[in-house]
């Protein structure tokens, strides 16, 4: 019973949005890319990353640890992108802090810098589209 409850929680956590609950992806990076397709949302996430590291740098430089109280603002910048521009599922654990989301944000920043992130989006959208077409064809 406990294992079934865990599977339901994981499936809910890994959904892409309210319309796409089932998908072929097992790696969170694939789900993350599909949750972050809107250019404004991507830009706000990147702004949040720079704000986060800038805040850490100035905290260290000025030795003013009160600046760390501004860290939640870095999360709000990214959440603003989801609320206003991309209505994808936001998992509370990822919104507050998770290693998987943090590593995906770093990977997204790198892929945007090397101009490969749009390819990532197209590739995952193609996989999802083919999955949905084949799933509907089998019904």
Protein backbone atom coordinates (compact mmCIF):
# COMPACT_ATOMS: atom_id res chain seq x y z
CA UNK A 1 0.00 0.00 0.00
CA UNK A 2 2.80 2.40 0.91
CA UNK A 3 4.57 1.69 -2.38
CA UNK A 4 1.38 2.46 -4.32
CA UNK A 5 1.04 5.80 -2.50
CA UNK A 6 4.66 6.64 -3.39
CA UNK A 7 4.03 5.84 -7.08
CA UNK A 8 0.98 8.14 -7.14
CA UNK A 9 2.98 10.97 -5.50
CA UNK A 10 5.87 10.52 -7.94
CA UNK A 11 3.54 10.48 -10.95
CA UNK A 12 1.83 13.63 -9.71
CA UNK A 13 5.16 15.31 -9.07
CA UNK A 14 6.51 14.45 -12.51
CA UNK A 15 3.51 15.67 -14.48
CA UNK A 16 4.20 18.32 -17.09
CA UNK A 17 0.95 20.27 -16.72
CA UNK A 18 -2.72 19.60 -16.00
CA UNK A 19 -3.35 18.37 -19.55
CA UNK A 20 -0.30 16.10 -19.77
CA UNK A 21 -0.32 13.62 -16.92
CA UNK A 22 1.03 10.61 -18.81
CA UNK A 23 4.25 10.75 -20.79
CA UNK A 24 7.17 8.51 -21.76
CA UNK A 25 9.87 10.41 -19.84
CA UNK A 26 11.74 8.89 -16.92
CA UNK A 27 14.55 11.43 -16.66
CA UNK A 28 13.52 14.63 -14.90
CA UNK A 29 15.50 16.74 -17.39
CA UNK A 30 12.99 15.80 -20.11
CA UNK A 31 10.06 16.85 -17.92
CA UNK A 32 11.89 20.02 -16.88
CA UNK A 33 12.45 21.04 -20.51
CA UNK A 34 8.74 20.62 -21.32
CA UNK A 35 7.84 22.71 -18.27
CA UNK A 36 10.17 25.48 -19.46
CA UNK A 37 9.41 26.31 -23.11
CA UNK A 38 8.27 29.93 -23.01
CA UNK A 39 11.18 32.30 -23.77
CA UNK A 40 10.06 34.84 -21.14
CA UNK A 41 9.81 32.11 -18.51
CA UNK A 42 13.27 30.85 -19.46
CA UNK A 43 14.64 34.39 -19.27
CA UNK A 44 13.13 34.92 -15.82
CA UNK A 45 14.65 31.66 -14.60
CA UNK A 46 18.07 32.71 -15.89
CA UNK A 47 17.65 36.12 -14.25
CA UNK A 48 16.83 34.30 -11.00
CA UNK A 49 20.01 32.21 -11.31
CA UNK A 50 22.17 35.32 -11.79
CA UNK A 51 20.39 37.07 -8.92
CA UNK A 52 20.99 34.02 -6.68
CA UNK A 53 24.73 33.88 -7.34
CA UNK A 54 25.04 37.66 -7.24
CA UNK A 55 23.39 37.71 -3.83
CA UNK A 56 25.74 34.99 -2.59
CA UNK A 57 28.74 36.92 -3.94
CA UNK A 58 27.72 40.20 -2.31
CA UNK A 59 26.96 38.43 0.97
CA UNK A 60 30.51 37.08 0.95
CA UNK A 61 32.08 40.32 -0.31
CA UNK A 62 30.29 42.60 2.18
CA UNK A 63 30.19 40.01 4.98
CA UNK A 64 26.56 41.03 5.48
CA UNK A 65 24.65 37.83 6.10
CA UNK A 66 21.36 39.69 6.25
CA UNK A 67 21.50 39.74 2.46
CA UNK A 68 20.74 36.01 2.51
CA UNK A 69 17.18 36.94 3.46
CA UNK A 70 16.81 37.95 -0.19
CA UNK A 71 17.36 34.38 -1.45
CA UNK A 72 13.62 33.59 -1.60
CA UNK A 73 13.30 36.41 -4.14
CA UNK A 74 15.37 34.33 -6.54
CA UNK A 75 12.70 31.62 -6.40
CA UNK A 76 9.92 34.16 -6.85
CA UNK A 77 11.50 35.40 -10.07
CA UNK A 78 11.21 31.91 -11.59
CA UNK A 79 7.74 31.34 -10.19
CA UNK A 80 6.61 34.60 -11.77
CA UNK A 81 7.52 33.12 -15.14
CA UNK A 82 5.30 30.12 -14.47
CA UNK A 83 2.41 32.16 -13.12
CA UNK A 84 2.36 34.80 -15.86
CA UNK A 85 3.77 33.13 -18.96
CA UNK A 86 3.80 29.33 -18.72
CA UNK A 87 1.10 27.44 -16.89
CA UNK A 88 3.08 24.27 -16.27
CA UNK A 89 2.87 22.20 -13.11
CA UNK A 90 4.94 23.61 -10.24
CA UNK A 91 5.95 21.07 -7.64
CA UNK A 92 6.16 22.69 -4.19
CA UNK A 93 9.34 20.81 -3.33
CA UNK A 94 11.04 22.03 -6.52
CA UNK A 95 9.74 25.59 -5.98
CA UNK A 96 11.26 25.78 -2.50
CA UNK A 97 14.46 23.84 -3.17
CA UNK A 98 15.48 20.53 -4.65
CA UNK A 99 18.74 19.25 -6.02
CA UNK A 100 17.05 17.93 -9.15
CA UNK A 101 15.56 21.33 -9.99
CA UNK A 102 18.81 23.13 -9.16
CA UNK A 103 20.85 20.85 -11.39
CA UNK A 104 18.32 21.24 -14.22
CA UNK A 105 18.45 25.04 -13.86
CA UNK A 106 22.23 24.92 -14.20
CA UNK A 107 21.93 22.64 -17.20
CA UNK A 108 19.32 24.93 -18.76
CA UNK A 109 21.60 27.95 -18.29
CA UNK A 110 24.47 26.10 -19.96
CA UNK A 111 22.28 24.90 -22.86
CA UNK A 112 20.92 28.44 -23.38
CA UNK A 113 24.45 29.89 -23.41
CA UNK A 114 25.59 27.40 -26.07
CA UNK A 115 22.33 27.96 -28.02
CA UNK A 116 21.15 24.33 -27.75
CA UNK A 117 18.13 24.69 -25.45
CA UNK A 118 15.63 25.26 -28.28
CA UNK A 119 16.83 21.98 -29.82
CA UNK A 120 16.15 20.29 -26.48
CA UNK A 121 12.61 21.65 -26.49
CA UNK A 122 11.92 20.53 -30.09
CA UNK A 123 13.35 17.07 -29.45
CA UNK A 124 11.23 16.45 -26.34
CA UNK A 125 8.10 17.87 -27.97
CA UNK A 126 8.58 15.47 -30.89
CA UNK A 127 8.95 12.50 -28.53
CA UNK A 128 5.85 13.54 -26.57
CA UNK A 129 3.84 14.13 -29.74
CA UNK A 130 4.78 10.72 -31.18
CA UNK A 131 3.94 9.06 -27.87
CA UNK A 132 0.51 10.73 -27.76
CA UNK A 133 -0.23 9.86 -31.40
CA UNK A 134 0.76 6.20 -30.88
CA UNK A 135 -1.15 6.01 -27.60
CA UNK A 136 -4.32 7.37 -29.24
CA UNK A 137 -3.86 5.10 -32.27
CA UNK A 138 -3.87 2.06 -29.95
CA UNK A 139 -7.19 2.99 -28.37
